[in-house]
Amino acid sequence: GKSIEIIMFAAQLTFRAAKADAVKKVAKHVLHLDASHGPSSLIAHGAQALVAELESLRPDLQVKHLPLWDKRVRTEMEYNLEHVQAKMAMLGGSTRDEDIQSFANVEELAAQIATAEGVIISAPMWNYAAPWVVKQYFDCVLHPGLTFLETPSGPKGLLGGGRPLVIITSSGGAAQKDHLTPWLTDVGAMMGFDMPLVVSASNAAHSERHLLLESIACDAKAAARHFSKDRASAPVAELPREAQDDEDEVSASALLSWLRAQGGISEDAMESVEVARIDGGLFMVATEDDWRNEELGLEDEDVARLMELQEKFRKSHEMPA
């Protein structure tokens, strides 16, 4: 009946096969979900630079590397209709060993990310979105009670929020349509990794490789500071910075990555901001009249969202409105 269905979907799973003690608090590890095309790829180069810098900045942290293309890992994160049926049975109160054992690998992987102090995702953009192994991984670990809790205001991380997420990605073209980083930002926030930062290399097919390697390594190395102990507790994403003489300057490409990570802005508006080459300095001082300029052609919703993000940006850079 209807009442039974409501009760089932309001329930949370609990860790049964995995040790319950292992998921009671955030551990001293950062989980690196690696969907790069190989160790010589552009994204892998960025990830290697980030991890090396992170190990220097935070020797107390262990970086756990999970290669999503590895056959063993793909077997462990298999999630099919039998798993769905076992999940529904357990939500309905089943204690059958076969249901519990079918979720053993799911629980192991879920515990690993639920307890992470931070997450790094290195994944290229495939057809505007995520490679299928990335989707498979999150379908495997995203379950109420294992990695997040359902609340009246939406999903919350099992062990709370305020934890960093760094996304390292690239695209062969201009990435004018990007469903990868907004989706990863959303699923990360579900689990408590609600402090996102994006390191992105677009137009890889039309740029000189040595310049791309230098740029993504520089931005990724700076991104390691996202995991520093003294970072602000407020969920304000930091910005990847290019090599510049003025440390306080934020480039147009870095600002664009930050805006994408925040979400809530239409793709047409993102294209307008990109074409206008708006950098951090311009973004700080832009007025409502500037955003409503006919040349930008922004809708009211986009203007309101950009002004909201301006306040967030100013606060993170200690600039009064």
Protein backbone atom coordinates (compact mmCIF):
# COMPACT_ATOMS: atom_id res chain seq x y z
CA GLY A 1 0.00 0.00 0.00
CA LYS A 2 0.88 3.67 -0.16
CA SER A 3 1.81 3.92 3.53
CA ILE A 4 4.28 1.01 3.24
CA GLU A 5 5.94 2.63 0.21
CA ILE A 6 6.41 5.91 2.10
CA ILE A 7 7.94 4.09 5.09
CA MET A 8 10.35 2.16 2.85
CA PHE A 9 11.67 5.23 1.11
CA ALA A 10 11.98 7.19 4.34
CA ALA A 11 14.23 4.50 5.83
CA GLN A 12 18.01 4.56 5.94
CA LEU A 13 20.40 1.71 5.31
CA THR A 14 22.89 0.79 8.03
CA PHE A 15 26.37 -0.70 7.77
CA ARG A 16 26.02 -4.42 8.37
CA ALA A 17 28.81 -6.20 6.50
CA ALA A 18 31.36 -3.43 7.17
CA LYS A 19 32.59 -2.68 10.68
CA ALA A 20 30.36 -0.03 12.23
CA ASP A 21 33.29 1.53 14.13
CA ALA A 22 34.99 2.39 10.84
CA VAL A 23 32.30 4.93 9.89
CA LYS A 24 31.82 6.86 13.12
CA LYS A 25 34.21 9.74 12.36
CA VAL A 26 36.13 11.42 9.57
CA ALA A 27 39.45 9.66 9.00
CA LYS A 28 42.86 11.03 8.01
CA HIS A 29 42.65 10.25 4.35
CA VAL A 30 41.80 11.94 1.06
CA LEU A 31 40.16 9.73 -1.55
CA HIS A 32 41.36 10.13 -5.14
CA LEU A 33 38.82 8.84 -7.67
CA ASP A 34 40.85 8.43 -10.85
CA ALA A 35 39.07 8.12 -14.21
CA SER A 36 41.94 9.57 -16.25
CA HIS A 37 42.96 7.97 -19.54
CA GLY A 38 46.34 6.89 -18.14
CA PRO A 39 49.40 8.18 -16.27
CA SER A 40 50.59 10.28 -19.22
CA SER A 41 47.24 12.04 -19.73
CA LEU A 42 46.70 15.74 -19.11
CA ILE A 43 44.41 15.09 -16.15
CA ALA A 44 46.80 12.57 -14.61
CA HIS A 45 49.58 15.16 -14.86
CA GLY A 46 47.43 17.62 -12.91
CA ALA A 47 46.47 15.01 -10.33
CA GLN A 48 50.10 14.00 -9.80
CA ALA A 49 51.06 17.66 -9.18
CA LEU A 50 48.18 18.08 -6.71
CA VAL A 51 48.96 14.90 -4.77
CA ALA A 52 52.67 15.69 -4.57
CA GLU A 53 51.95 19.15 -3.19
CA LEU A 54 49.28 17.80 -0.84
CA GLU A 55 51.70 15.25 0.60
CA SER A 56 54.13 18.10 1.25
CA LEU A 57 51.51 20.35 2.85
CA ARG A 58 49.68 17.64 4.79
CA PRO A 59 52.04 14.74 5.63
CA ASP A 60 49.41 13.67 8.20
CA LEU A 61 47.00 12.75 5.41
CA GLN A 62 47.02 9.52 3.43
CA VAL A 63 45.93 9.78 -0.20
CA LYS A 64 43.97 6.65 -1.16
CA HIS A 65 44.04 6.12 -4.92
CA LEU A 66 41.05 4.35 -6.49
CA PRO A 67 41.64 3.70 -10.24
CA LEU A 68 38.09 3.43 -11.57
CA TRP A 69 39.13 1.82 -14.88
CA ASP A 70 40.91 -1.04 -13.08
CA LYS A 71 39.10 -4.35 -13.66
CA ARG A 72 39.25 -5.31 -9.99
CA VAL A 73 37.78 -1.97 -8.93
CA ARG A 74 35.06 -2.19 -11.58
CA THR A 75 34.12 -5.63 -10.24
CA GLU A 76 33.99 -4.30 -6.67
CA MET A 77 31.77 -1.37 -7.63
CA GLU A 78 29.35 -3.41 -9.73
CA TYR A 79 25.81 -2.31 -8.99
CA ASN A 80 22.99 -3.99 -10.86
CA LEU A 81 19.33 -4.93 -10.50
CA GLU A 82 20.12 -7.63 -7.92
CA HIS A 83 21.75 -4.99 -5.72
CA VAL A 84 18.71 -2.74 -6.13
CA GLN A 85 16.41 -5.59 -5.08
CA ALA A 86 18.63 -6.34 -2.05
CA LYS A 87 18.58 -2.66 -1.12
CA MET A 88 14.79 -2.50 -1.29
CA ALA A 89 14.55 -5.66 0.81
CA MET A 90 16.87 -4.26 3.50
CA LEU A 91 15.00 -0.95 3.52
CA GLY A 92 11.91 -3.05 4.16
CA GLY A 93 13.57 -4.77 7.14
CA SER A 94 15.21 -7.84 5.56
CA THR A 95 18.08 -9.41 7.52
CA ARG A 96 18.80 -12.22 5.05
CA ASP A 97 22.50 -13.02 4.76
CA GLU A 98 22.37 -13.05 0.95
CA ASP A 99 21.01 -9.47 0.88
CA ILE A 100 23.65 -8.30 3.37
CA GLN A 101 26.51 -10.06 1.58
CA SER A 102 25.47 -8.69 -1.81
CA PHE A 103 26.05 -5.22 -0.34
CA ALA A 104 29.45 -6.04 1.22
CA ASN A 105 31.49 -4.37 -1.55
CA VAL A 106 29.04 -1.47 -1.67
CA GLU A 107 29.49 -0.89 2.06
CA GLU A 108 33.27 -1.11 1.81
CA LEU A 109 33.44 1.54 -0.91
CA ALA A 110 30.78 3.70 0.78
CA ALA A 111 32.70 3.67 4.08
CA GLN A 112 35.88 4.70 2.29
CA ILE A 113 34.36 7.87 0.82
CA ALA A 114 31.97 8.65 3.70
CA THR A 115 34.90 8.92 6.13
CA ALA A 116 37.29 10.82 3.82
CA GLU A 117 38.54 14.22 4.91
CA GLY A 118 38.39 15.30 1.27
CA VAL A 119 37.92 13.97 -2.25
CA ILE A 120 39.84 14.45 -5.50
CA ILE A 121 38.11 13.46 -8.74
CA SER A 122 40.19 13.37 -11.92
CA ALA A 123 37.91 12.71 -14.88
CA PRO A 124 37.79 13.95 -18.47
CA MET A 125 34.60 15.24 -20.01
CA TRP A 126 32.95 12.71 -22.29
CA ASN A 127 30.21 14.14 -24.53
CA TYR A 128 29.56 17.02 -22.08
CA ALA A 129 29.28 14.63 -19.12
CA ALA A 130 31.09 12.04 -16.97
CA PRO A 131 32.73 8.81 -18.21
CA TRP A 132 30.47 5.88 -17.40
CA VAL A 133 32.79 4.46 -14.73
CA VAL A 134 32.36 7.65 -12.69
CA LYS A 135 28.57 7.34 -12.86
CA GLN A 136 28.83 3.65 -11.96
CA TYR A 137 30.95 4.45 -8.91
CA PHE A 138 28.50 7.00 -7.52
CA ASP A 139 25.52 4.76 -8.25
CA CYS A 140 27.35 2.15 -6.16
CA VAL A 141 28.12 4.34 -3.11
CA LEU A 142 25.26 6.85 -2.93
CA HIS A 143 22.75 5.32 -0.51
CA PRO A 144 20.86 6.87 2.43
CA GLY A 145 22.47 5.79 5.67
CA LEU A 146 25.76 4.79 4.02
CA THR A 147 27.09 8.05 2.56
CA PHE A 148 24.33 10.56 3.28
CA LEU A 149 21.25 11.10 5.40
CA GLU A 150 17.84 12.16 4.11
CA THR A 151 16.54 15.27 5.90
CA PRO A 152 13.51 17.53 5.34
CA SER A 153 15.84 20.11 3.76
CA GLY A 154 17.61 17.61 1.52
CA PRO A 155 20.48 15.11 1.73
CA LYS A 156 23.31 15.76 4.20
CA GLY A 157 26.68 14.06 4.52
CA LEU A 158 26.71 11.04 6.83
CA LEU A 159 29.53 12.63 8.86
CA GLY A 160 28.58 16.25 8.23
CA GLY A 161 29.65 18.83 5.67
CA GLY A 162 32.36 21.42 5.22
CA ARG A 163 34.77 19.02 3.50
CA PRO A 164 36.73 19.86 0.33
CA LEU A 165 36.22 18.47 -3.16
CA VAL A 166 38.68 19.10 -6.00
CA ILE A 167 37.63 18.20 -9.55
CA ILE A 168 40.38 17.96 -12.19
CA THR A 169 38.98 17.75 -15.69
CA SER A 170 39.63 18.53 -19.32
CA SER A 171 37.82 18.68 -22.64
CA GLY A 172 38.93 18.53 -26.24
CA GLY A 173 36.70 21.47 -27.18
CA ALA A 174 35.65 24.71 -25.53
CA ALA A 175 33.39 22.96 -22.97
CA GLN A 176 30.58 25.42 -23.60
CA LYS A 177 28.17 22.74 -22.41
CA ASP A 178 29.33 21.20 -19.16
CA HIS A 179 27.19 18.65 -17.33
CA LEU A 180 30.21 17.05 -15.66
CA THR A 181 31.32 19.57 -13.02
CA PRO A 182 27.80 20.65 -11.88
CA TRP A 183 26.80 17.01 -11.43
CA LEU A 184 29.99 16.08 -9.55
CA THR A 185 29.56 19.17 -7.37
CA ASP A 186 25.99 18.12 -6.54
CA VAL A 187 26.76 14.49 -5.69
CA GLY A 188 29.80 15.57 -3.71
CA ALA A 189 27.67 17.98 -1.66
CA MET A 190 25.20 15.16 -0.92
CA MET A 191 27.97 13.38 0.98
CA GLY A 192 29.30 16.46 2.77
CA PHE A 193 32.00 17.45 0.28
CA ASP A 194 30.37 20.83 -0.23
CA MET A 195 33.48 22.98 -0.67
CA PRO A 196 34.24 22.49 -4.37
CA LEU A 197 37.13 23.69 -6.48
CA VAL A 198 37.51 22.96 -10.19
CA VAL A 199 40.79 22.69 -12.09
CA SER A 200 39.87 22.59 -15.76
CA ALA A 201 41.76 22.49 -19.07
CA SER A 202 39.47 23.15 -22.03
CA ASN A 203 40.25 23.24 -25.76
CA ALA A 204 42.91 20.57 -25.26
CA ALA A 205 42.61 19.49 -28.91
CA HIS A 206 43.43 23.01 -30.10
CA SER A 207 46.20 24.01 -27.68
CA GLU A 208 49.90 23.27 -27.37
CA ARG A 209 50.38 20.31 -25.06
CA HIS A 210 53.38 21.65 -23.15
CA LEU A 211 51.45 24.81 -22.27
CA LEU A 212 48.45 22.75 -21.14
CA LEU A 213 50.65 20.54 -18.96
CA GLU A 214 52.31 23.56 -17.38
CA SER A 215 48.99 25.31 -16.75
CA ILE A 216 47.11 22.37 -15.25
CA ALA A 217 50.06 21.46 -13.01
CA CYS A 218 50.25 25.03 -11.73
CA ASP A 219 46.51 25.21 -11.01
CA ALA A 220 46.45 21.72 -9.46
CA LYS A 221 49.41 22.50 -7.21
CA ALA A 222 47.60 25.60 -5.97
CA ALA A 223 44.47 23.49 -5.42
CA ALA A 224 46.34 21.42 -2.79
CA ARG A 225 45.85 24.39 -0.45
CA HIS A 226 42.15 23.52 -0.49
CA PHE A 227 43.00 20.74 1.97
CA SER A 228 45.12 22.85 4.34
CA LYS A 229 44.35 22.66 8.06
CA ASP A 230 43.85 26.39 8.48
CA ARG A 231 41.33 26.79 5.66
CA ALA A 232 38.17 28.72 6.49
CA SER A 233 35.35 26.57 7.85
CA ALA A 234 32.72 28.35 5.74
CA PRO A 235 31.85 26.48 2.53
CA VAL A 236 33.33 29.03 0.13
CA ALA A 237 35.15 27.45 -2.79
CA GLU A 238 38.65 28.68 -3.45
CA LEU A 239 39.71 29.63 -6.94
CA PRO A 240 42.44 28.03 -9.00
CA ARG A 241 45.04 30.72 -9.72
CA GLU A 242 47.24 30.89 -12.78
CA ALA A 243 50.87 31.97 -12.48
CA GLN A 244 50.55 35.74 -12.13
CA ASP A 245 52.64 38.58 -10.77
CA ASP A 246 49.75 39.81 -8.64
CA GLU A 247 48.76 37.06 -6.22
CA ASP A 248 45.38 38.70 -5.64
CA GLU A 249 44.36 38.60 -9.31
CA VAL A 250 41.94 35.91 -10.43
CA SER A 251 42.00 35.17 -14.14
CA ALA A 252 38.93 34.99 -16.34
CA SER A 253 39.36 31.22 -16.81
CA ALA A 254 39.74 30.65 -13.07
CA LEU A 255 36.64 32.72 -12.34
CA LEU A 256 34.70 30.80 -14.97
CA SER A 257 35.67 27.49 -13.33
CA TRP A 258 34.57 28.82 -9.95
CA LEU A 259 31.21 30.01 -11.29
CA ARG A 260 30.58 26.62 -12.90
CA ALA A 261 31.33 24.91 -9.60
CA GLN A 262 28.79 27.09 -7.76
CA GLY A 263 25.96 26.13 -10.13
CA GLY A 264 22.63 27.87 -10.70
CA ILE A 265 23.74 29.79 -13.80
CA SER A 266 22.35 28.97 -17.24
CA GLU A 267 24.69 27.80 -19.97
CA ASP A 268 23.83 30.87 -22.08
CA ALA A 269 24.88 33.12 -19.20
CA MET A 270 28.12 31.18 -18.72
CA GLU A 271 28.91 31.64 -22.41
CA SER A 272 28.27 35.41 -22.11
CA VAL A 273 30.62 35.66 -19.11
CA GLU A 274 33.26 33.67 -20.99
CA VAL A 275 33.03 35.80 -24.14
CA ALA A 276 33.21 39.00 -22.08
CA ARG A 277 36.45 37.72 -20.43
CA ILE A 278 35.30 38.83 -16.97
CA ASP A 279 38.07 38.27 -14.45
CA GLY A 280 38.03 38.46 -10.65
CA GLY A 281 38.64 42.20 -10.56
CA LEU A 282 35.75 43.01 -12.89
CA PHE A 283 33.50 40.51 -11.14
CA MET A 284 34.05 42.21 -7.79
CA VAL A 285 33.00 45.67 -8.99
CA ALA A 286 30.25 44.83 -11.51
CA THR A 287 26.90 46.47 -10.75
CA GLU A 288 23.38 45.29 -11.46
CA ASP A 289 23.26 47.70 -14.42
CA ASP A 290 26.42 46.04 -15.78
CA TRP A 291 24.80 42.61 -15.59
CA ARG A 292 21.67 43.92 -17.31
CA ASN A 293 23.64 45.33 -20.22
CA GLU A 294 21.97 44.30 -23.47
CA GLU A 295 25.25 43.03 -24.88
CA LEU A 296 25.39 40.34 -22.21
CA GLY A 297 21.73 39.42 -22.76
CA LEU A 298 21.27 37.83 -19.33
CA GLU A 299 17.93 36.64 -17.98
CA ASP A 300 16.66 37.98 -14.64
CA GLU A 301 17.36 34.66 -12.90
CA ASP A 302 20.98 34.72 -14.04
CA VAL A 303 21.45 38.33 -12.96
CA ALA A 304 20.10 37.50 -9.49
CA ARG A 305 22.35 34.43 -9.18
CA LEU A 306 25.46 36.30 -10.34
CA MET A 307 24.84 39.08 -7.82
CA GLU A 308 24.39 36.46 -5.09
CA LEU A 309 27.71 34.86 -6.05
CA GLN A 310 29.37 38.29 -6.13
CA GLU A 311 28.66 38.64 -2.41
CA LYS A 312 30.13 35.21 -1.75
CA PHE A 313 33.17 36.05 -3.87
CA ARG A 314 33.71 39.40 -2.14
CA LYS A 315 33.54 37.82 1.30
CA SER A 316 36.12 35.20 0.35
CA HIS A 317 38.40 38.01 -0.87
CA GLU A 318 37.60 40.32 2.06
CA MET A 319 36.16 43.07 -0.11
CA PRO A 320 33.18 45.11 1.12
CA ALA A 321 30.08 45.25 -1.06
